[in-house]
Amino acid sequence: MKLHNYLYFKIYNNIIMVLSKTSKKKGSKSKKRGLIKKDPLDNFLSDIYGKLFR
């Protein structure tokens, strides 16, 4: 249970950080990775998965 709570806490922190810094970082990140910007949610989920499972 504690591990799950910790992961949810980290994910919520990432949500807040991404929402506060959406336009500036996402443009540069998508250009660096060569991603097509379809959905901000897709980019956000890929960011979370990249941070959790590096």
C-alpha atoms as a PDB file:
ATOM      1  CA  MET A   1       0.000   0.000   0.000  1.00  0.00           C
ATOM      2  CA  LYS A   2       2.780   2.434   0.853  1.00  0.00           C
ATOM      3  CA  LEU A   3       4.467   1.922  -2.503  1.00  0.00           C
ATOM      4  CA  HIS A   4       1.217   2.596  -4.352  1.00  0.00           C
ATOM      5  CA  ASN A   5       0.603   5.734  -2.319  1.00  0.00           C
ATOM      6  CA  TYR A   6       4.132   6.922  -3.103  1.00  0.00           C
ATOM      7  CA  LEU A   7       3.660   6.312  -6.835  1.00  0.00           C
ATOM      8  CA  TYR A   8       0.337   8.154  -6.844  1.00  0.00           C
ATOM      9  CA  PHE A   9       1.959  11.046  -4.982  1.00  0.00           C
ATOM     10  CA  LYS A  10       4.771  11.207  -7.543  1.00  0.00           C
ATOM     11  CA  ILE A  11       2.281  11.058 -10.428  1.00  0.00           C
ATOM     12  CA  TYR A  12       0.248  13.885  -8.916  1.00  0.00           C
ATOM     13  CA  ASN A  13       3.422  15.957  -8.538  1.00  0.00           C
ATOM     14  CA  ASN A  14       4.214  15.316 -12.196  1.00  0.00           C
ATOM     15  CA  ILE A  15       0.677  16.327 -13.165  1.00  0.00           C
ATOM     16  CA  ILE A  16       1.008  19.622 -11.316  1.00  0.00           C
ATOM     17  CA  MET A  17       4.454  20.308 -12.744  1.00  0.00           C
ATOM     18  CA  VAL A  18       3.412  19.467 -16.308  1.00  0.00           C
ATOM     19  CA  LEU A  19       0.250  21.546 -16.073  1.00  0.00           C
ATOM     20  CA  SER A  20       2.199  24.516 -14.726  1.00  0.00           C
ATOM     21  CA  LYS A  21       4.909  24.266 -17.410  1.00  0.00           C
ATOM     22  CA  THR A  22       2.947  22.931 -20.386  1.00  0.00           C
ATOM     23  CA  SER A  23       3.722  25.214 -23.306  1.00  0.00           C
ATOM     24  CA  LYS A  24       7.423  25.904 -22.715  1.00  0.00           C
ATOM     25  CA  LYS A  25       8.785  22.399 -22.137  1.00  0.00           C
ATOM     26  CA  LYS A  26       6.399  20.319 -24.239  1.00  0.00           C
ATOM     27  CA  GLY A  27       7.294  22.050 -27.489  1.00  0.00           C
ATOM     28  CA  SER A  28      11.013  21.473 -26.990  1.00  0.00           C
ATOM     29  CA  LYS A  29      10.556  17.906 -25.752  1.00  0.00           C
ATOM     30  CA  SER A  30       8.345  16.911 -28.678  1.00  0.00           C
ATOM     31  CA  LYS A  31      10.833  18.435 -31.118  1.00  0.00           C
ATOM     32  CA  LYS A  32      13.748  16.590 -29.509  1.00  0.00           C
ATOM     33  CA  ARG A  33      11.961  13.245 -29.573  1.00  0.00           C
ATOM     34  CA  GLY A  34      10.498  13.805 -33.014  1.00  0.00           C
ATOM     35  CA  LEU A  35       6.976  13.140 -31.765  1.00  0.00           C
ATOM     36  CA  ILE A  36       3.907  14.360 -33.552  1.00  0.00           C
ATOM     37  CA  LYS A  37       1.784  16.409 -31.199  1.00  0.00           C
ATOM     38  CA  LYS A  38      -1.563  14.620 -31.356  1.00  0.00           C
ATOM     39  CA  ASP A  39      -2.847  14.902 -27.818  1.00  0.00           C
ATOM     40  CA  PRO A  40      -1.355  16.668 -24.804  1.00  0.00           C
ATOM     41  CA  LEU A  41      -2.569  13.726 -22.726  1.00  0.00           C
ATOM     42  CA  ASP A  42      -0.480  11.303 -24.800  1.00  0.00           C
ATOM     43  CA  ASN A  43       2.643  13.401 -24.308  1.00  0.00           C
ATOM     44  CA  PHE A  44       1.876  13.694 -20.605  1.00  0.00           C
ATOM     45  CA  LEU A  45       1.412   9.936 -20.177  1.00  0.00           C
ATOM     46  CA  SER A  46       4.591   9.221 -22.110  1.00  0.00           C
ATOM     47  CA  ASP A  47       6.422  11.655 -19.802  1.00  0.00           C
ATOM     48  CA  ILE A  48       5.105   9.828 -16.730  1.00  0.00           C
ATOM     49  CA  TYR A  49       6.033   6.412 -18.117  1.00  0.00           C
ATOM     50  CA  GLY A  50       9.476   7.696 -19.058  1.00  0.00           C
ATOM     51  CA  LYS A  51      10.079   9.016 -15.536  1.00  0.00           C
ATOM     52  CA  LEU A  52       8.748   5.925 -13.768  1.00  0.00           C
ATOM     53  CA  PHE A  53      10.350   3.201 -15.901  1.00  0.00           C
ATOM     54  CA  ARG A  54      13.702   4.634 -16.954  1.00  0.00           C
END
